[in-house]
């Protein structure tokens, strides 16, 4: 399996306009394609000024990953820093054999 992980993801809270920070981890088993790390970093950086909710950000990243990489299996874990005293962790999995 391949694991890509960063603690440097950031986006903007659509309600307050304040920055949100997260650790994003994608673990996958490739089929024919692997993700170039530089391209993945540039993709994640594109969210820096985007107003988006935590759950939507994690699902959008994962949907785009599945669309372009077409892995056999994949899992995303997006662990966002606390906002308003609440920590959000979004996890989603995909298995092409199911």
Protein backbone atom coordinates (compact mmCIF):
# COMPACT_ATOMS: atom_id res chain seq x y z
CA UNK A 1 0.00 0.00 0.00
CA UNK A 2 0.95 3.65 -0.42
CA UNK A 3 0.47 6.23 2.34
CA UNK A 4 0.43 9.97 1.71
CA UNK A 5 0.16 12.20 4.75
CA UNK A 6 0.47 15.90 5.52
CA UNK A 7 -0.10 18.03 8.59
CA UNK A 8 -0.10 21.19 6.49
CA UNK A 9 -3.60 21.14 4.98
CA UNK A 10 -5.54 24.35 5.41
CA UNK A 11 -8.79 25.83 4.20
CA UNK A 12 -11.11 28.60 5.34
CA UNK A 13 -14.19 28.28 7.56
CA UNK A 14 -17.09 29.43 5.36
CA UNK A 15 -18.91 30.92 8.37
CA UNK A 16 -16.15 32.84 10.15
CA UNK A 17 -13.53 33.29 7.43
CA UNK A 18 -10.88 31.97 9.82
CA UNK A 19 -8.34 29.34 8.74
CA UNK A 20 -8.88 25.66 9.51
CA UNK A 21 -5.95 23.25 9.70
CA UNK A 22 -5.94 19.47 9.32
CA UNK A 23 -3.83 16.38 9.00
CA UNK A 24 -4.80 14.53 5.83
CA UNK A 25 -3.81 10.88 5.40
CA UNK A 26 -4.65 8.80 2.35
CA UNK A 27 -3.71 5.14 2.26
CA UNK A 28 -4.31 3.27 -0.97
CA UNK A 29 -3.54 0.19 -3.02
CA UNK A 30 -2.93 1.32 -6.58
CA UNK A 31 -4.26 -0.42 -9.65
CA UNK A 32 -2.48 1.09 -12.66
CA UNK A 33 -1.80 4.61 -11.43
CA UNK A 34 0.04 6.20 -8.52
CA UNK A 35 -0.23 9.80 -7.43
CA UNK A 36 2.78 12.05 -7.90
CA UNK A 37 3.48 13.61 -4.50
CA UNK A 38 4.24 17.08 -5.85
CA UNK A 39 0.94 17.12 -7.76
CA UNK A 40 -0.91 15.97 -4.65
CA UNK A 41 0.70 18.72 -2.56
CA UNK A 42 -0.23 21.37 -5.16
CA UNK A 43 -3.80 20.00 -5.21
CA UNK A 44 -4.09 20.24 -1.42
CA UNK A 45 -2.58 23.74 -1.44
CA UNK A 46 -5.36 24.85 -3.80
CA UNK A 47 -7.77 24.65 -0.82
CA UNK A 48 -5.83 27.25 1.17
CA UNK A 49 -8.22 30.12 0.35
CA UNK A 50 -11.38 28.06 -0.18
CA UNK A 51 -14.32 28.43 2.20
CA UNK A 52 -15.40 24.84 2.83
CA UNK A 53 -16.75 22.75 5.71
CA UNK A 54 -14.57 19.95 7.11
CA UNK A 55 -16.78 17.10 5.90
CA UNK A 56 -17.15 18.56 2.43
CA UNK A 57 -13.38 19.13 2.11
CA UNK A 58 -12.54 15.53 3.07
CA UNK A 59 -15.17 14.06 0.76
CA UNK A 60 -14.19 16.31 -2.17
CA UNK A 61 -10.51 15.38 -1.78
CA UNK A 62 -11.40 11.69 -1.64
CA UNK A 63 -13.83 11.84 -4.59
CA UNK A 64 -11.19 13.58 -6.72
CA UNK A 65 -8.57 11.05 -5.62
CA UNK A 66 -10.81 8.12 -6.59
CA UNK A 67 -11.74 9.73 -9.91
CA UNK A 68 -8.19 10.36 -11.08
CA UNK A 69 -6.19 7.56 -9.42
CA UNK A 70 -8.73 4.72 -9.68
CA UNK A 71 -7.15 2.66 -6.86
CA UNK A 72 -8.16 -0.86 -5.89
CA UNK A 73 -8.67 0.28 -2.32
CA UNK A 74 -8.34 3.60 -0.53
CA UNK A 75 -9.02 5.28 2.77
CA UNK A 76 -8.90 8.92 3.82
CA UNK A 77 -8.56 10.19 7.34
CA UNK A 78 -8.91 13.96 7.73
CA UNK A 79 -8.28 15.11 11.28
CA UNK A 80 -9.13 18.78 11.72
CA UNK A 81 -7.89 20.94 14.59
CA UNK A 82 -10.43 21.99 17.18
CA UNK A 83 -12.92 24.68 16.28
CA UNK A 84 -15.27 25.94 18.99
CA UNK A 85 -13.99 23.23 21.33
CA UNK A 86 -14.94 20.41 18.94
CA UNK A 87 -12.50 18.28 16.98
CA UNK A 88 -13.65 16.83 13.67
CA UNK A 89 -12.28 13.63 12.11
CA UNK A 90 -13.66 12.45 8.78
CA UNK A 91 -12.89 8.91 7.62
CA UNK A 92 -14.05 7.26 4.42
CA UNK A 93 -13.09 4.04 2.64
CA UNK A 94 -13.39 2.60 -0.85
CA UNK A 95 -12.90 -0.99 -2.03
CA UNK A 96 -13.38 -1.77 -5.72
CA UNK A 97 -13.91 -5.47 -4.98
CA UNK A 98 -17.13 -4.80 -3.06
